[in-house]
Amino acid sequence: MSTAIFYHAGCPVCLGAEQMVAEAIDRSKYQVDIVHLGEQADRIEEAEAAGVKSVPALVLDGQAFHINFGASIEALKH
C-alpha cells in the first residue's frame, strides 16, 4: 500500500484542505498520514526532503503537491 502524507500547520487554509483533500483519498489504496508541522516540528526536515515548500501540501508516491498557500516551510522553522 502506498502512503499519502498530508503536511499542514493548523491554519484555517490547512484545516480546510485537510477536510477536502486528505479525507477524499481512497484509503483502500493509500495509508494516510496527517502531519501537523506546528506540533511535529521534528518532521519539517522530512517534509523538505519530500519537496514541500509550503503548507498545506500532499505528498503522494514521493511527489509533493502544494494545495494552497497557508505558510512557507521556512516560517515553520522559527
N, C-alpha and C. Protein backbone atom coordinates (compact mmCIF):
# COMPACT_ATOMS: atom_id res chain seq x y z
N MET A 1 0.85 -1.18 0.00
CA MET A 1 0.00 0.00 0.00
C MET A 1 0.89 1.24 0.00
N SER A 2 0.54 2.21 -0.80
CA SER A 2 1.27 3.47 -0.87
C SER A 2 0.88 4.37 0.29
N THR A 3 1.72 5.36 0.55
CA THR A 3 1.46 6.31 1.62
C THR A 3 1.18 7.69 1.05
N ALA A 4 0.19 8.35 1.58
CA ALA A 4 -0.12 9.74 1.28
C ALA A 4 0.14 10.52 2.56
N ILE A 5 1.01 11.50 2.48
CA ILE A 5 1.33 12.31 3.66
C ILE A 5 0.80 13.72 3.44
N PHE A 6 -0.06 14.16 4.33
CA PHE A 6 -0.62 15.49 4.26
C PHE A 6 0.04 16.33 5.35
N TYR A 7 0.82 17.33 4.92
CA TYR A 7 1.51 18.22 5.85
C TYR A 7 0.72 19.51 5.98
N HIS A 8 0.56 19.98 7.21
CA HIS A 8 -0.11 21.26 7.42
C HIS A 8 0.42 21.91 8.69
N ALA A 9 -0.05 23.15 8.92
CA ALA A 9 0.42 23.90 10.09
C ALA A 9 -0.72 24.30 11.02
N GLY A 10 -1.92 23.83 10.75
CA GLY A 10 -3.04 24.11 11.64
C GLY A 10 -3.79 25.39 11.33
N CYS A 11 -3.39 26.12 10.30
CA CYS A 11 -4.08 27.37 9.95
C CYS A 11 -5.43 27.04 9.28
N PRO A 12 -6.32 28.01 9.16
CA PRO A 12 -7.62 27.75 8.53
C PRO A 12 -7.52 27.20 7.11
N VAL A 13 -6.58 27.70 6.32
CA VAL A 13 -6.39 27.18 4.96
C VAL A 13 -6.01 25.70 5.02
N CYS A 14 -5.10 25.36 5.92
CA CYS A 14 -4.65 23.99 6.06
C CYS A 14 -5.76 23.06 6.53
N LEU A 15 -6.52 23.51 7.51
CA LEU A 15 -7.59 22.67 8.04
C LEU A 15 -8.68 22.44 7.00
N GLY A 16 -8.98 23.46 6.20
CA GLY A 16 -9.95 23.29 5.13
C GLY A 16 -9.46 22.30 4.09
N ALA A 17 -8.17 22.38 3.75
CA ALA A 17 -7.59 21.44 2.79
C ALA A 17 -7.58 20.03 3.35
N GLU A 18 -7.32 19.91 4.64
CA GLU A 18 -7.34 18.58 5.26
C GLU A 18 -8.72 17.95 5.11
N GLN A 19 -9.74 18.72 5.38
CA GLN A 19 -11.09 18.18 5.27
C GLN A 19 -11.43 17.80 3.84
N MET A 20 -11.03 18.62 2.88
CA MET A 20 -11.40 18.38 1.49
C MET A 20 -10.50 17.37 0.79
N VAL A 21 -9.21 17.44 1.01
CA VAL A 21 -8.27 16.63 0.25
C VAL A 21 -7.89 15.35 0.98
N ALA A 22 -7.38 15.48 2.18
CA ALA A 22 -6.89 14.30 2.89
C ALA A 22 -8.02 13.29 3.15
N GLU A 23 -9.21 13.79 3.43
CA GLU A 23 -10.31 12.89 3.70
C GLU A 23 -10.89 12.27 2.43
N ALA A 24 -10.56 12.82 1.26
CA ALA A 24 -11.08 12.30 0.00
C ALA A 24 -10.20 11.18 -0.58
N ILE A 25 -9.05 10.97 -0.01
CA ILE A 25 -8.12 9.95 -0.52
C ILE A 25 -8.68 8.55 -0.27
N ASP A 26 -8.58 7.72 -1.27
CA ASP A 26 -9.06 6.34 -1.18
C ASP A 26 -8.15 5.56 -0.22
N ARG A 27 -8.66 5.29 0.94
CA ARG A 27 -7.86 4.62 1.98
C ARG A 27 -7.67 3.13 1.72
N SER A 28 -8.30 2.62 0.69
CA SER A 28 -8.01 1.24 0.31
C SER A 28 -6.75 1.18 -0.57
N LYS A 29 -6.32 2.34 -1.07
CA LYS A 29 -5.12 2.42 -1.91
C LYS A 29 -3.95 3.11 -1.20
N TYR A 30 -4.27 3.99 -0.27
CA TYR A 30 -3.24 4.78 0.41
C TYR A 30 -3.41 4.72 1.92
N GLN A 31 -2.29 4.57 2.60
CA GLN A 31 -2.25 4.78 4.04
C GLN A 31 -2.06 6.28 4.20
N VAL A 32 -2.93 6.95 4.93
CA VAL A 32 -2.89 8.41 5.06
C VAL A 32 -2.24 8.79 6.39
N ASP A 33 -1.24 9.65 6.28
CA ASP A 33 -0.53 10.18 7.45
C ASP A 33 -0.73 11.68 7.45
N ILE A 34 -1.38 12.21 8.46
CA ILE A 34 -1.60 13.66 8.56
C ILE A 34 -0.62 14.21 9.58
N VAL A 35 0.20 15.17 9.13
CA VAL A 35 1.28 15.70 9.96
C VAL A 35 1.06 17.20 10.19
N HIS A 36 0.86 17.56 11.43
CA HIS A 36 0.72 18.97 11.84
C HIS A 36 2.12 19.45 12.19
N LEU A 37 2.74 20.19 11.28
CA LEU A 37 4.13 20.60 11.49
C LEU A 37 4.30 21.60 12.62
N GLY A 38 3.24 22.28 13.00
CA GLY A 38 3.31 23.17 14.16
C GLY A 38 3.48 22.39 15.45
N GLU A 39 2.95 21.17 15.47
CA GLU A 39 3.05 20.31 16.65
C GLU A 39 4.12 19.24 16.51
N GLN A 40 4.54 18.96 15.26
CA GLN A 40 5.53 17.92 14.99
C GLN A 40 6.70 18.53 14.21
N ALA A 41 7.31 19.54 14.80
CA ALA A 41 8.40 20.26 14.14
C ALA A 41 9.56 19.34 13.78
N ASP A 42 9.69 18.21 14.47
CA ASP A 42 10.76 17.27 14.17
C ASP A 42 10.59 16.64 12.78
N ARG A 43 9.44 16.86 12.14
CA ARG A 43 9.21 16.28 10.80
C ARG A 43 9.36 17.32 9.68
N ILE A 44 9.79 18.55 10.02
CA ILE A 44 9.98 19.58 9.00
C ILE A 44 11.05 19.16 7.99
N GLU A 45 12.16 18.62 8.46
CA GLU A 45 13.22 18.17 7.53
C GLU A 45 12.70 17.10 6.59
N GLU A 46 11.89 16.19 7.10
CA GLU A 46 11.28 15.14 6.28
C GLU A 46 10.42 15.76 5.18
N ALA A 47 9.61 16.76 5.56
CA ALA A 47 8.75 17.44 4.58
C ALA A 47 9.59 18.13 3.51
N GLU A 48 10.65 18.82 3.93
CA GLU A 48 11.54 19.48 2.97
C GLU A 48 12.18 18.48 2.02
N ALA A 49 12.62 17.36 2.55
CA ALA A 49 13.25 16.32 1.73
C ALA A 49 12.27 15.76 0.70
N ALA A 50 10.97 15.80 1.03
CA ALA A 50 9.94 15.31 0.10
C ALA A 50 9.56 16.37 -0.92
N GLY A 51 10.13 17.58 -0.80
CA GLY A 51 9.85 18.64 -1.77
C GLY A 51 8.81 19.65 -1.33
N VAL A 52 8.39 19.59 -0.08
CA VAL A 52 7.39 20.52 0.42
C VAL A 52 8.04 21.89 0.63
N LYS A 53 7.43 22.91 0.01
CA LYS A 53 7.92 24.29 0.13
C LYS A 53 6.97 25.15 0.96
N SER A 54 5.71 24.75 0.99
CA SER A 54 4.70 25.46 1.76
C SER A 54 3.61 24.46 2.14
N VAL A 55 2.83 24.86 3.14
CA VAL A 55 1.72 24.00 3.56
C VAL A 55 0.42 24.75 3.36
N PRO A 56 -0.65 24.06 3.11
CA PRO A 56 -0.80 22.61 3.09
C PRO A 56 -0.20 21.99 1.83
N ALA A 57 0.29 20.79 2.00
CA ALA A 57 0.86 20.04 0.88
C ALA A 57 0.57 18.56 1.08
N LEU A 58 0.42 17.88 -0.03
CA LEU A 58 0.15 16.45 -0.02
C LEU A 58 1.26 15.77 -0.79
N VAL A 59 1.88 14.77 -0.20
CA VAL A 59 2.92 14.00 -0.87
C VAL A 59 2.35 12.63 -1.19
N LEU A 60 2.25 12.34 -2.47
CA LEU A 60 1.77 11.05 -2.96
C LEU A 60 2.87 10.38 -3.75
N ASP A 61 3.20 9.18 -3.38
CA ASP A 61 4.21 8.41 -4.11
C ASP A 61 5.48 9.22 -4.35
N GLY A 62 5.89 9.99 -3.34
CA GLY A 62 7.13 10.74 -3.41
C GLY A 62 7.06 12.06 -4.15
N GLN A 63 5.90 12.47 -4.60
CA GLN A 63 5.75 13.74 -5.30
C GLN A 63 4.92 14.69 -4.46
N ALA A 64 5.44 15.92 -4.26
CA ALA A 64 4.75 16.92 -3.45
C ALA A 64 3.78 17.73 -4.30
N PHE A 65 2.58 17.88 -3.78
CA PHE A 65 1.56 18.71 -4.41
C PHE A 65 1.18 19.82 -3.44
N HIS A 66 1.40 21.06 -3.84
CA HIS A 66 1.09 22.20 -2.99
C HIS A 66 -0.35 22.63 -3.30
N ILE A 67 -1.19 22.55 -2.30
CA ILE A 67 -2.63 22.72 -2.49
C ILE A 67 -3.03 24.19 -2.50
N ASN A 68 -2.54 24.95 -1.59
CA ASN A 68 -2.86 26.36 -1.45
C ASN A 68 -1.75 26.93 -0.57
N PHE A 69 -1.66 28.23 -0.46
CA PHE A 69 -0.59 28.77 0.37
C PHE A 69 -1.12 29.17 1.72
N GLY A 70 -0.70 28.44 2.74
CA GLY A 70 -1.04 28.76 4.12
C GLY A 70 0.14 29.35 4.84
N ALA A 71 1.31 28.70 4.69
CA ALA A 71 2.55 29.14 5.32
C ALA A 71 3.73 28.50 4.59
N SER A 72 4.81 29.25 4.52
CA SER A 72 6.02 28.68 3.91
C SER A 72 6.66 27.73 4.92
N ILE A 73 7.39 26.76 4.42
CA ILE A 73 8.09 25.83 5.29
C ILE A 73 9.13 26.57 6.14
N GLU A 74 9.70 27.64 5.58
CA GLU A 74 10.69 28.44 6.31
C GLU A 74 10.06 29.10 7.54
N ALA A 75 8.83 29.56 7.43
CA ALA A 75 8.15 30.21 8.55
C ALA A 75 7.91 29.24 9.70
N LEU A 76 7.81 27.95 9.38
CA LEU A 76 7.57 26.96 10.43
C LEU A 76 8.81 26.64 11.24
N LYS A 77 9.97 27.04 10.75
CA LYS A 77 11.23 26.74 11.45
C LYS A 77 11.48 27.72 12.59
N HIS A 78 10.75 28.79 12.66
CA HIS A 78 11.03 29.83 13.65
C HIS A 78 10.14 29.73 14.85
